[in-house]
Structures are given as C-alpha cells and as structure tokens.
Amino acid sequence: MRTAHIDRKTKETEIALTLNVNGTGVAEISSGVGFFDHMLELLTVHSGIDLSLTCKGDTYVDFHHTVEDVGIALGDAFKEALGDKRGIARFADRVVPMDETAALVALDLSGRAYLAFEDKMDGKVGVFDLELIEEFLRAFSCHAGLNLYVKLLRRGNKHHEAEAVFKALALCIKDAVAIVSDRIPSSKGVLE
C-alpha cells in the first residue's frame, strides 16, 4: 500500500502524520506555522502524495522544534512507506523556476542520509525564519535515508526561493518513488 502513520511526542512537539505515497496530492496540514503549512502543501500537491499532518509545538519559543520534528516524522513515514524500495526509480533531479528564481534538487533514495545545501537561505518570510528550511531538509533526509542535493540557481524574492525548492523536491519525490520495475534498484540487492 505504501502508507505509514507516525505518532511522535516529545516535550517540544506532538505530531500525528499519515502518508500515502500512492496518493493524489491531498493535503490536510496544520503545523501551527502558516508559511511552513504552505510549503508542505506545495510538497504534497506536486509530489502526488497524500499527507495528513497535525503538530502542536512550542511555537511560543520559536518555530525550530516544530519544523525540525515535522521533518523527522515525515522522513520516518517515507522510510516506512517505501519498505525495501522494490521497483522504485530511486534517483531524480529537477530544476524548477518560480518567477525570477530557480532551484535545482537532486535525490537518491539510497538508504544513506546526506544533505548538500549549497545556498544558505536567510531572512524571513513574514515571521518564518528561512534558515529553518535547511533544518527541515536535514531532518527529512536523515530520517528518510536519502541523499539530497539542493541549490538555488537564481535568487530573488525569498518566498519564491522557498517555493522553488519545495516544488523541485516534490517533483523529485514523485519521480523517485515511481514504480518502474519489480527489482530493488541496487547492484547490492538491498537499499538500507
């Protein structure tokens, strides 16, 4: 079925997340962080996954714990939903323009975690610290077990930069999880 449900509770956040990799892009997202919800909705719609997410976090401190912990839970859900990764395409790369900006994302669902984030995002969109995007991507890649490469090819409006990254990531996820064979896509015979 390629589905997963994750409940994650710490002193900082309480998360309930349901993921369907074979979805249609249905997003039911409430993290308590409006701009982050918007980015996760873009990720959901453009990847074709279904994502139901609620998070109650200590946003009175700041948004860091919420954003990072959602990345952890989403990564755990992807890892569980993909199982042994039999049949997946595994690799993907996409360039996505968003008005005056453009982002390049490449990923490998290898089972090995690594994030290369070449361009630091800083500043704010509203009250959201853009540096948290890297924290989300690190947590997600680490817990999903994927190599993830992100580069802003052209900078501009901060909101557009973030959208380009999330849309490119979404399209990479869509491509990489697509079933293209009945084999595990590794010369080793396993992806761990």
N, C-alpha and C. Protein backbone atom coordinates (compact mmCIF):
# COMPACT_ATOMS: atom_id res chain seq x y z
N MET A 1 0.81 -1.21 0.00
CA MET A 1 0.00 0.00 0.00
C MET A 1 0.86 1.27 0.00
N ARG A 2 2.07 1.20 0.46
CA ARG A 2 2.99 2.34 0.57
C ARG A 2 2.38 3.48 1.39
N THR A 3 1.96 3.11 2.59
CA THR A 3 1.39 4.07 3.54
C THR A 3 2.14 3.95 4.86
N ALA A 4 2.01 4.99 5.67
CA ALA A 4 2.61 4.97 7.01
C ALA A 4 1.86 5.94 7.90
N HIS A 5 1.85 5.63 9.18
CA HIS A 5 1.31 6.55 10.18
C HIS A 5 2.36 6.70 11.27
N ILE A 6 2.67 7.92 11.62
CA ILE A 6 3.66 8.22 12.64
C ILE A 6 3.02 9.09 13.72
N ASP A 7 3.15 8.66 14.97
CA ASP A 7 2.82 9.50 16.11
C ASP A 7 4.13 9.77 16.83
N ARG A 8 4.44 11.04 17.03
CA ARG A 8 5.71 11.42 17.66
C ARG A 8 5.42 12.46 18.72
N LYS A 9 5.81 12.17 19.96
CA LYS A 9 5.54 13.10 21.05
C LYS A 9 6.82 13.33 21.84
N THR A 10 7.18 14.60 21.99
CA THR A 10 8.31 15.00 22.83
C THR A 10 7.83 16.12 23.74
N LYS A 11 8.72 16.66 24.55
CA LYS A 11 8.36 17.80 25.39
C LYS A 11 8.15 19.06 24.55
N GLU A 12 8.61 19.03 23.28
CA GLU A 12 8.55 20.21 22.43
C GLU A 12 7.44 20.16 21.37
N THR A 13 7.11 18.94 20.92
CA THR A 13 6.09 18.81 19.87
C THR A 13 5.28 17.53 20.06
N GLU A 14 4.07 17.56 19.50
CA GLU A 14 3.21 16.38 19.42
C GLU A 14 2.70 16.32 17.99
N ILE A 15 3.09 15.24 17.28
CA ILE A 15 2.81 15.14 15.85
C ILE A 15 2.03 13.87 15.56
N ALA A 16 1.00 14.01 14.71
CA ALA A 16 0.30 12.87 14.12
C ALA A 16 0.38 13.06 12.61
N LEU A 17 0.94 12.06 11.93
CA LEU A 17 1.19 12.19 10.49
C LEU A 17 0.79 10.90 9.79
N THR A 18 0.02 11.03 8.73
CA THR A 18 -0.33 9.89 7.88
C THR A 18 0.08 10.21 6.46
N LEU A 19 0.78 9.26 5.83
CA LEU A 19 1.33 9.44 4.50
C LEU A 19 0.85 8.31 3.59
N ASN A 20 0.44 8.68 2.38
CA ASN A 20 0.14 7.70 1.34
C ASN A 20 0.95 8.09 0.11
N VAL A 21 1.99 7.31 -0.17
CA VAL A 21 2.86 7.60 -1.31
C VAL A 21 2.09 7.48 -2.62
N ASN A 22 1.11 6.59 -2.68
CA ASN A 22 0.30 6.38 -3.88
C ASN A 22 -0.95 7.26 -3.89
N GLY A 23 -0.81 8.47 -3.40
CA GLY A 23 -1.96 9.34 -3.27
C GLY A 23 -2.26 10.14 -4.53
N THR A 24 -3.03 11.20 -4.31
CA THR A 24 -3.44 12.09 -5.40
C THR A 24 -3.14 13.55 -5.10
N GLY A 25 -2.32 13.79 -4.07
CA GLY A 25 -1.94 15.15 -3.73
C GLY A 25 -2.86 15.82 -2.74
N VAL A 26 -3.54 15.03 -1.92
CA VAL A 26 -4.45 15.58 -0.91
C VAL A 26 -3.64 16.01 0.31
N ALA A 27 -3.81 17.27 0.71
CA ALA A 27 -3.08 17.83 1.84
C ALA A 27 -4.04 18.27 2.93
N GLU A 28 -3.85 17.73 4.12
CA GLU A 28 -4.57 18.20 5.32
C GLU A 28 -3.49 18.50 6.34
N ILE A 29 -3.06 19.76 6.40
CA ILE A 29 -1.85 20.11 7.13
C ILE A 29 -2.12 21.24 8.10
N SER A 30 -1.74 21.02 9.36
CA SER A 30 -1.85 22.05 10.39
C SER A 30 -0.67 21.90 11.35
N SER A 31 0.40 22.64 11.07
CA SER A 31 1.59 22.57 11.92
C SER A 31 1.63 23.70 12.94
N GLY A 32 0.75 24.68 12.79
CA GLY A 32 0.81 25.85 13.65
C GLY A 32 1.72 26.93 13.11
N VAL A 33 2.32 26.67 11.94
CA VAL A 33 3.24 27.62 11.30
C VAL A 33 2.74 27.82 9.87
N GLY A 34 2.09 28.95 9.63
CA GLY A 34 1.39 29.17 8.37
C GLY A 34 2.24 29.03 7.13
N PHE A 35 3.40 29.67 7.09
CA PHE A 35 4.24 29.58 5.90
C PHE A 35 4.73 28.16 5.67
N PHE A 36 5.07 27.45 6.73
CA PHE A 36 5.51 26.06 6.64
C PHE A 36 4.38 25.18 6.12
N ASP A 37 3.15 25.41 6.58
CA ASP A 37 2.00 24.67 6.07
C ASP A 37 1.88 24.87 4.55
N HIS A 38 2.09 26.09 4.11
CA HIS A 38 2.03 26.41 2.68
C HIS A 38 3.08 25.60 1.90
N MET A 39 4.30 25.54 2.42
CA MET A 39 5.37 24.79 1.75
C MET A 39 5.05 23.29 1.73
N LEU A 40 4.53 22.77 2.83
CA LEU A 40 4.18 21.34 2.89
C LEU A 40 3.02 21.02 1.95
N GLU A 41 2.10 21.97 1.80
CA GLU A 41 1.01 21.75 0.84
C GLU A 41 1.55 21.69 -0.58
N LEU A 42 2.50 22.59 -0.91
CA LEU A 42 3.13 22.53 -2.23
C LEU A 42 3.82 21.18 -2.44
N LEU A 43 4.53 20.73 -1.41
CA LEU A 43 5.23 19.44 -1.48
C LEU A 43 4.24 18.31 -1.75
N THR A 44 3.12 18.34 -1.08
CA THR A 44 2.10 17.30 -1.21
C THR A 44 1.45 17.33 -2.59
N VAL A 45 0.98 18.48 -2.98
CA VAL A 45 0.26 18.61 -4.26
C VAL A 45 1.16 18.22 -5.43
N HIS A 46 2.39 18.72 -5.46
CA HIS A 46 3.25 18.49 -6.62
C HIS A 46 3.94 17.12 -6.62
N SER A 47 3.99 16.45 -5.48
CA SER A 47 4.56 15.10 -5.44
C SER A 47 3.49 14.05 -5.70
N GLY A 48 2.22 14.41 -5.50
CA GLY A 48 1.14 13.45 -5.67
C GLY A 48 0.92 12.57 -4.46
N ILE A 49 1.64 12.81 -3.37
CA ILE A 49 1.40 12.05 -2.15
C ILE A 49 0.18 12.61 -1.44
N ASP A 50 -0.39 11.84 -0.55
CA ASP A 50 -1.40 12.34 0.37
C ASP A 50 -0.74 12.49 1.73
N LEU A 51 -0.96 13.63 2.36
CA LEU A 51 -0.35 13.90 3.66
C LEU A 51 -1.37 14.51 4.59
N SER A 52 -1.56 13.86 5.71
CA SER A 52 -2.37 14.40 6.79
C SER A 52 -1.42 14.65 7.96
N LEU A 53 -1.38 15.88 8.46
CA LEU A 53 -0.41 16.25 9.48
C LEU A 53 -1.02 17.23 10.46
N THR A 54 -0.90 16.91 11.74
CA THR A 54 -1.18 17.89 12.78
C THR A 54 0.03 17.93 13.70
N CYS A 55 0.40 19.12 14.08
CA CYS A 55 1.51 19.30 15.01
C CYS A 55 1.15 20.38 16.00
N LYS A 56 1.32 20.05 17.26
CA LYS A 56 1.20 21.04 18.34
C LYS A 56 2.61 21.20 18.90
N GLY A 57 3.17 22.39 18.67
CA GLY A 57 4.55 22.61 19.09
C GLY A 57 4.70 23.84 19.96
N ASP A 58 5.89 23.98 20.50
CA ASP A 58 6.19 25.12 21.37
C ASP A 58 6.55 26.35 20.52
N THR A 59 5.59 26.74 19.69
CA THR A 59 5.83 27.87 18.78
C THR A 59 5.96 29.19 19.53
N TYR A 60 5.61 29.23 20.81
CA TYR A 60 5.83 30.43 21.61
C TYR A 60 7.33 30.66 21.83
N VAL A 61 8.14 29.59 21.71
CA VAL A 61 9.60 29.72 21.78
C VAL A 61 10.10 30.25 20.44
N ASP A 62 9.89 29.46 19.42
CA ASP A 62 10.09 29.81 18.01
C ASP A 62 9.59 28.63 17.20
N PHE A 63 9.85 28.61 15.89
CA PHE A 63 9.31 27.55 15.04
C PHE A 63 10.28 26.39 14.83
N HIS A 64 11.47 26.48 15.39
CA HIS A 64 12.52 25.50 15.10
C HIS A 64 12.10 24.07 15.42
N HIS A 65 11.62 23.83 16.63
CA HIS A 65 11.28 22.47 17.04
C HIS A 65 10.17 21.89 16.16
N THR A 66 9.18 22.69 15.84
CA THR A 66 8.07 22.23 15.00
C THR A 66 8.58 21.84 13.62
N VAL A 67 9.35 22.70 12.98
CA VAL A 67 9.82 22.45 11.62
C VAL A 67 10.74 21.23 11.59
N GLU A 68 11.68 21.15 12.51
CA GLU A 68 12.61 20.02 12.53
C GLU A 68 11.89 18.71 12.84
N ASP A 69 11.00 18.73 13.81
CA ASP A 69 10.32 17.49 14.20
C ASP A 69 9.36 17.01 13.12
N VAL A 70 8.74 17.92 12.40
CA VAL A 70 7.92 17.50 11.26
C VAL A 70 8.81 16.84 10.21
N GLY A 71 10.01 17.37 9.98
CA GLY A 71 10.96 16.74 9.07
C GLY A 71 11.32 15.33 9.50
N ILE A 72 11.54 15.15 10.79
CA ILE A 72 11.84 13.83 11.34
C ILE A 72 10.68 12.87 11.09
N ALA A 73 9.46 13.30 11.44
CA ALA A 73 8.28 12.43 11.29
C ALA A 73 8.01 12.12 9.82
N LEU A 74 8.15 13.11 8.95
CA LEU A 74 7.91 12.88 7.53
C LEU A 74 8.96 11.93 6.95
N GLY A 75 10.21 12.08 7.35
CA GLY A 75 11.25 11.16 6.91
C GLY A 75 10.99 9.75 7.38
N ASP A 76 10.61 9.60 8.65
CA ASP A 76 10.29 8.27 9.19
C ASP A 76 9.13 7.64 8.42
N ALA A 77 8.14 8.45 8.08
CA ALA A 77 6.98 7.94 7.35
C ALA A 77 7.37 7.48 5.95
N PHE A 78 8.20 8.25 5.25
CA PHE A 78 8.65 7.83 3.92
C PHE A 78 9.43 6.53 4.00
N LYS A 79 10.31 6.43 4.97
CA LYS A 79 11.12 5.21 5.11
C LYS A 79 10.23 3.99 5.34
N GLU A 80 9.24 4.16 6.21
CA GLU A 80 8.32 3.05 6.49
C GLU A 80 7.47 2.71 5.27
N ALA A 81 6.93 3.73 4.62
CA ALA A 81 6.02 3.51 3.49
C ALA A 81 6.71 2.86 2.30
N LEU A 82 7.98 3.16 2.09
CA LEU A 82 8.70 2.61 0.93
C LEU A 82 9.27 1.22 1.18
N GLY A 83 9.32 0.80 2.43
CA GLY A 83 9.77 -0.55 2.75
C GLY A 83 11.13 -0.87 2.17
N ASP A 84 11.24 -1.97 1.41
CA ASP A 84 12.53 -2.36 0.83
C ASP A 84 12.82 -1.63 -0.48
N LYS A 85 11.90 -0.75 -0.90
CA LYS A 85 12.04 0.11 -2.08
C LYS A 85 12.02 -0.67 -3.40
N ARG A 86 11.49 -1.86 -3.35
CA ARG A 86 11.40 -2.68 -4.56
C ARG A 86 10.66 -1.94 -5.67
N GLY A 87 11.28 -1.87 -6.82
CA GLY A 87 10.64 -1.33 -8.01
C GLY A 87 10.73 0.17 -8.21
N ILE A 88 11.19 0.92 -7.20
CA ILE A 88 11.19 2.37 -7.35
C ILE A 88 12.27 2.83 -8.35
N ALA A 89 12.07 4.01 -8.88
CA ALA A 89 13.06 4.59 -9.79
C ALA A 89 14.34 4.96 -9.03
N ARG A 90 14.21 5.35 -7.78
CA ARG A 90 15.29 5.65 -6.84
C ARG A 90 15.91 7.03 -7.02
N PHE A 91 16.33 7.40 -8.21
CA PHE A 91 17.02 8.68 -8.45
C PHE A 91 16.07 9.68 -9.10
N ALA A 92 16.33 10.96 -8.85
CA ALA A 92 15.56 12.01 -9.54
C ALA A 92 16.29 13.33 -9.40
N ASP A 93 16.10 14.17 -10.40
CA ASP A 93 16.57 15.55 -10.31
C ASP A 93 15.63 16.44 -11.09
N ARG A 94 15.45 17.65 -10.59
CA ARG A 94 14.55 18.60 -11.23
C ARG A 94 15.07 20.02 -11.02
N VAL A 95 14.84 20.84 -12.02
CA VAL A 95 15.02 22.28 -11.92
C VAL A 95 13.64 22.91 -12.02
N VAL A 96 13.32 23.77 -11.06
CA VAL A 96 12.02 24.42 -11.05
C VAL A 96 12.20 25.93 -10.96
N PRO A 97 11.65 26.67 -11.92
CA PRO A 97 11.64 28.12 -11.82
C PRO A 97 10.41 28.57 -11.03
N MET A 98 10.57 29.64 -10.32
CA MET A 98 9.44 30.29 -9.65
C MET A 98 9.63 31.77 -9.86
N ASP A 99 8.96 32.28 -10.88
CA ASP A 99 9.13 33.67 -11.30
C ASP A 99 10.61 33.97 -11.56
N GLU A 100 11.20 34.88 -10.81
CA GLU A 100 12.58 35.28 -11.08
C GLU A 100 13.62 34.34 -10.46
N THR A 101 13.18 33.35 -9.68
CA THR A 101 14.10 32.43 -9.01
C THR A 101 14.07 31.06 -9.69
N ALA A 102 15.04 30.23 -9.32
CA ALA A 102 15.05 28.84 -9.80
C ALA A 102 15.84 27.99 -8.81
N ALA A 103 15.40 26.75 -8.63
CA ALA A 103 16.07 25.82 -7.72
C ALA A 103 16.32 24.50 -8.41
N LEU A 104 17.45 23.89 -8.07
CA LEU A 104 17.82 22.56 -8.52
C LEU A 104 17.79 21.63 -7.32
N VAL A 105 17.10 20.52 -7.44
CA VAL A 105 17.09 19.49 -6.40
C VAL A 105 17.38 18.16 -7.07
N ALA A 106 18.25 17.37 -6.43
CA ALA A 106 18.52 16.00 -6.87
C ALA A 106 18.46 15.11 -5.64
N LEU A 107 17.94 13.89 -5.81
CA LEU A 107 17.91 12.98 -4.67
C LEU A 107 18.12 11.54 -5.10
N ASP A 108 18.55 10.77 -4.13
CA ASP A 108 18.77 9.34 -4.28
C ASP A 108 18.20 8.67 -3.05
N LEU A 109 17.20 7.83 -3.22
CA LEU A 109 16.60 7.09 -2.11
C LEU A 109 17.46 5.86 -1.79
N SER A 110 18.69 6.13 -1.44
CA SER A 110 19.73 5.11 -1.29
C SER A 110 19.69 4.38 0.04
N GLY A 111 19.03 4.96 1.04
CA GLY A 111 19.13 4.43 2.39
C GLY A 111 20.23 5.10 3.18
N ARG A 112 21.06 5.88 2.50
CA ARG A 112 22.14 6.62 3.15
C ARG A 112 21.75 8.09 3.21
N ALA A 113 21.87 8.67 4.38
CA ALA A 113 21.44 10.05 4.58
C ALA A 113 22.57 11.03 4.33
N TYR A 114 22.27 12.05 3.52
CA TYR A 114 23.22 13.14 3.32
C TYR A 114 22.47 14.32 2.72
N LEU A 115 22.74 15.51 3.25
CA LEU A 115 22.17 16.73 2.71
C LEU A 115 23.30 17.64 2.26
N ALA A 116 23.27 18.05 1.01
CA ALA A 116 24.15 19.10 0.50
C ALA A 116 23.25 20.28 0.15
N PHE A 117 23.32 21.31 0.95
CA PHE A 117 22.50 22.51 0.77
C PHE A 117 23.47 23.65 0.48
N GLU A 118 23.66 23.94 -0.78
CA GLU A 118 24.74 24.83 -1.19
C GLU A 118 24.51 26.29 -0.89
N ASP A 119 23.28 26.72 -0.90
CA ASP A 119 22.99 28.14 -0.73
C ASP A 119 22.22 28.36 0.55
N LYS A 120 22.82 29.06 1.47
CA LYS A 120 22.14 29.34 2.73
C LYS A 120 20.96 30.27 2.47
N MET A 121 19.83 29.89 3.03
CA MET A 121 18.66 30.77 2.97
C MET A 121 18.59 31.50 4.30
N ASP A 122 18.44 32.79 4.23
CA ASP A 122 18.33 33.57 5.45
C ASP A 122 17.25 34.62 5.29
N GLY A 123 17.06 35.36 6.33
CA GLY A 123 15.98 36.33 6.32
C GLY A 123 14.66 35.67 6.70
N LYS A 124 13.60 36.41 6.50
CA LYS A 124 12.29 35.93 6.91
C LYS A 124 11.27 36.12 5.79
N VAL A 125 10.27 35.26 5.81
CA VAL A 125 9.03 35.48 5.07
C VAL A 125 7.97 35.62 6.15
N GLY A 126 7.47 36.83 6.32
CA GLY A 126 6.59 37.09 7.46
C GLY A 126 7.36 36.88 8.74
N VAL A 127 6.91 35.94 9.57
CA VAL A 127 7.60 35.64 10.82
C VAL A 127 8.40 34.34 10.74
N PHE A 128 8.46 33.74 9.56
CA PHE A 128 9.15 32.46 9.37
C PHE A 128 10.62 32.69 9.02
N ASP A 129 11.52 32.11 9.82
CA ASP A 129 12.95 32.17 9.55
C ASP A 129 13.31 31.18 8.45
N LEU A 130 13.79 31.68 7.33
CA LEU A 130 14.08 30.82 6.19
C LEU A 130 15.21 29.83 6.44
N GLU A 131 16.07 30.09 7.41
CA GLU A 131 17.12 29.12 7.73
C GLU A 131 16.52 27.79 8.20
N LEU A 132 15.26 27.79 8.62
CA LEU A 132 14.61 26.56 9.07
C LEU A 132 14.35 25.59 7.92
N ILE A 133 14.35 26.07 6.70
CA ILE A 133 14.16 25.17 5.56
C ILE A 133 15.29 24.15 5.52
N GLU A 134 16.51 24.60 5.74
CA GLU A 134 17.64 23.66 5.77
C GLU A 134 17.48 22.66 6.92
N GLU A 135 17.00 23.12 8.08
CA GLU A 135 16.79 22.22 9.22
C GLU A 135 15.75 21.16 8.89
N PHE A 136 14.67 21.57 8.21
CA PHE A 136 13.65 20.62 7.78
C PHE A 136 14.24 19.59 6.81
N LEU A 137 14.97 20.07 5.82
CA LEU A 137 15.54 19.17 4.81
C LEU A 137 16.55 18.21 5.42
N ARG A 138 17.33 18.68 6.38
CA ARG A 138 18.31 17.80 7.04
C ARG A 138 17.60 16.69 7.81
N ALA A 139 16.59 17.08 8.59
CA ALA A 139 15.84 16.09 9.37
C ALA A 139 15.14 15.09 8.46
N PHE A 140 14.51 15.60 7.40
CA PHE A 140 13.81 14.74 6.45
C PHE A 140 14.76 13.77 5.78
N SER A 141 15.88 14.26 5.25
CA SER A 141 16.81 13.39 4.53
C SER A 141 17.44 12.36 5.46
N CYS A 142 17.75 12.78 6.67
CA CYS A 142 18.36 11.86 7.63
C CYS A 142 17.40 10.72 7.98
N HIS A 143 16.16 11.05 8.24
CA HIS A 143 15.21 10.03 8.69
C HIS A 143 14.61 9.22 7.55
N ALA A 144 14.55 9.80 6.36
CA ALA A 144 14.08 9.03 5.19
C ALA A 144 15.20 8.16 4.63
N GLY A 145 16.45 8.49 4.96
CA GLY A 145 17.58 7.75 4.41
C GLY A 145 17.81 8.08 2.95
N LEU A 146 17.93 9.37 2.66
CA LEU A 146 18.14 9.74 1.27
C LEU A 146 19.26 10.77 1.14
N ASN A 147 19.93 10.72 0.01
CA ASN A 147 20.88 11.76 -0.38
C ASN A 147 20.07 12.87 -1.02
N LEU A 148 20.31 14.09 -0.58
CA LEU A 148 19.55 15.22 -1.08
C LEU A 148 20.50 16.38 -1.37
N TYR A 149 20.40 16.88 -2.58
CA TYR A 149 21.23 18.00 -3.03
C TYR A 149 20.30 19.13 -3.43
N VAL A 150 20.54 20.33 -2.87
CA VAL A 150 19.68 21.48 -3.12
C VAL A 150 20.56 22.68 -3.47
N LYS A 151 20.22 23.35 -4.56
CA LYS A 151 20.97 24.54 -4.96
C LYS A 151 20.00 25.56 -5.56
N LEU A 152 20.12 26.79 -5.11
CA LEU A 152 19.38 27.88 -5.73
C LEU A 152 20.17 28.35 -6.94
N LEU A 153 19.60 28.20 -8.11
CA LEU A 153 20.28 28.61 -9.33
C LEU A 153 20.16 30.11 -9.56
N ARG A 154 19.07 30.68 -9.07
CA ARG A 154 18.88 32.12 -9.20
C ARG A 154 18.08 32.60 -8.01
N ARG A 155 18.59 33.60 -7.35
CA ARG A 155 17.95 34.13 -6.15
C ARG A 155 17.01 35.27 -6.51
N GLY A 156 16.19 35.62 -5.56
CA GLY A 156 15.26 36.73 -5.75
C GLY A 156 14.38 36.87 -4.54
N ASN A 157 13.09 36.98 -4.75
CA ASN A 157 12.13 37.07 -3.67
C ASN A 157 12.24 35.83 -2.78
N LYS A 158 12.31 36.04 -1.47
CA LYS A 158 12.54 34.93 -0.52
C LYS A 158 11.42 33.89 -0.57
N HIS A 159 10.19 34.35 -0.69
CA HIS A 159 9.06 33.42 -0.79
C HIS A 159 9.21 32.56 -2.04
N HIS A 160 9.58 33.17 -3.14
CA HIS A 160 9.75 32.43 -4.40
C HIS A 160 10.90 31.43 -4.31
N GLU A 161 11.99 31.81 -3.64
CA GLU A 161 13.10 30.87 -3.46
C GLU A 161 12.63 29.61 -2.74
N ALA A 162 11.90 29.80 -1.65
CA ALA A 162 11.41 28.66 -0.87
C ALA A 162 10.45 27.81 -1.70
N GLU A 163 9.55 28.46 -2.43
CA GLU A 163 8.61 27.70 -3.27
C GLU A 163 9.34 26.88 -4.32
N ALA A 164 10.34 27.46 -4.95
CA ALA A 164 11.09 26.73 -5.97
C ALA A 164 11.74 25.48 -5.38
N VAL A 165 12.31 25.61 -4.18
CA VAL A 165 12.94 24.46 -3.52
C VAL A 165 11.92 23.37 -3.22
N PHE A 166 10.79 23.74 -2.62
CA PHE A 166 9.80 22.73 -2.24
C PHE A 166 9.13 22.09 -3.46
N LYS A 167 8.90 22.86 -4.50
CA LYS A 167 8.31 22.28 -5.71
C LYS A 167 9.29 21.34 -6.40
N ALA A 168 10.56 21.72 -6.45
CA ALA A 168 11.56 20.84 -7.05
C ALA A 168 11.70 19.56 -6.24
N LEU A 169 11.71 19.67 -4.91
CA LEU A 169 11.76 18.49 -4.06
C LEU A 169 10.54 17.60 -4.30
N ALA A 170 9.37 18.21 -4.42
CA ALA A 170 8.14 17.44 -4.65
C ALA A 170 8.22 16.64 -5.94
N LEU A 171 8.67 17.28 -7.00
CA LEU A 171 8.77 16.58 -8.28
C LEU A 171 9.82 15.48 -8.24
N CYS A 172 10.89 15.69 -7.50
CA CYS A 172 11.90 14.63 -7.33
C CYS A 172 11.31 13.44 -6.58
N ILE A 173 10.56 13.72 -5.54
CA ILE A 173 9.92 12.63 -4.79
C ILE A 173 8.99 11.85 -5.71
N LYS A 174 8.18 12.57 -6.48
CA LYS A 174 7.25 11.91 -7.40
C LYS A 174 7.99 10.99 -8.37
N ASP A 175 9.09 11.49 -8.93
CA ASP A 175 9.87 10.70 -9.89
C ASP A 175 10.57 9.52 -9.22
N ALA A 176 11.17 9.75 -8.06
CA ALA A 176 11.99 8.72 -7.41
C ALA A 176 11.17 7.57 -6.83
N VAL A 177 9.95 7.84 -6.38
CA VAL A 177 9.13 6.77 -5.79
C VAL A 177 8.29 6.03 -6.83
N ALA A 178 8.32 6.50 -8.07
CA ALA A 178 7.55 5.84 -9.12
C ALA A 178 8.00 4.38 -9.28
N ILE A 179 7.06 3.50 -9.46
CA ILE A 179 7.37 2.08 -9.67
C ILE A 179 7.71 1.89 -11.15
N VAL A 180 8.93 1.42 -11.40
CA VAL A 180 9.41 1.26 -12.77
C VAL A 180 9.86 -0.16 -13.08
N SER A 181 9.89 -1.03 -12.07
CA SER A 181 10.31 -2.42 -12.29
C SER A 181 9.78 -3.27 -11.14
N ASP A 182 10.24 -4.52 -11.06
CA ASP A 182 9.90 -5.36 -9.92
C ASP A 182 11.14 -5.71 -9.11
N ARG A 183 12.23 -4.98 -9.36
CA ARG A 183 13.50 -5.26 -8.69
C ARG A 183 13.86 -4.16 -7.69
N ILE A 184 14.74 -4.49 -6.77
CA ILE A 184 15.32 -3.48 -5.89
C ILE A 184 16.43 -2.80 -6.69
N PRO A 185 16.35 -1.46 -6.84
CA PRO A 185 17.27 -0.76 -7.73
C PRO A 185 18.66 -0.53 -7.11
N SER A 186 19.39 -1.64 -6.95
CA SER A 186 20.73 -1.56 -6.38
C SER A 186 21.54 -2.77 -6.84
N SER A 187 22.79 -2.54 -7.18
CA SER A 187 23.66 -3.66 -7.56
C SER A 187 23.96 -4.56 -6.37
N LYS A 188 23.73 -4.03 -5.14
CA LYS A 188 23.94 -4.82 -3.92
C LYS A 188 22.74 -5.71 -3.59
N GLY A 189 21.60 -5.37 -4.22
CA GLY A 189 20.40 -6.14 -3.95
C GLY A 189 19.59 -5.64 -2.78
N VAL A 190 20.09 -4.62 -2.07
CA VAL A 190 19.37 -4.01 -0.95
C VAL A 190 19.62 -2.51 -0.95
N LEU A 191 18.67 -1.79 -0.43
CA LEU A 191 18.83 -0.35 -0.19
C LEU A 191 18.56 -0.12 1.28
N GLU A 192 19.63 0.09 2.04
CA GLU A 192 19.48 0.26 3.50
C GLU A 192 20.16 1.53 3.94
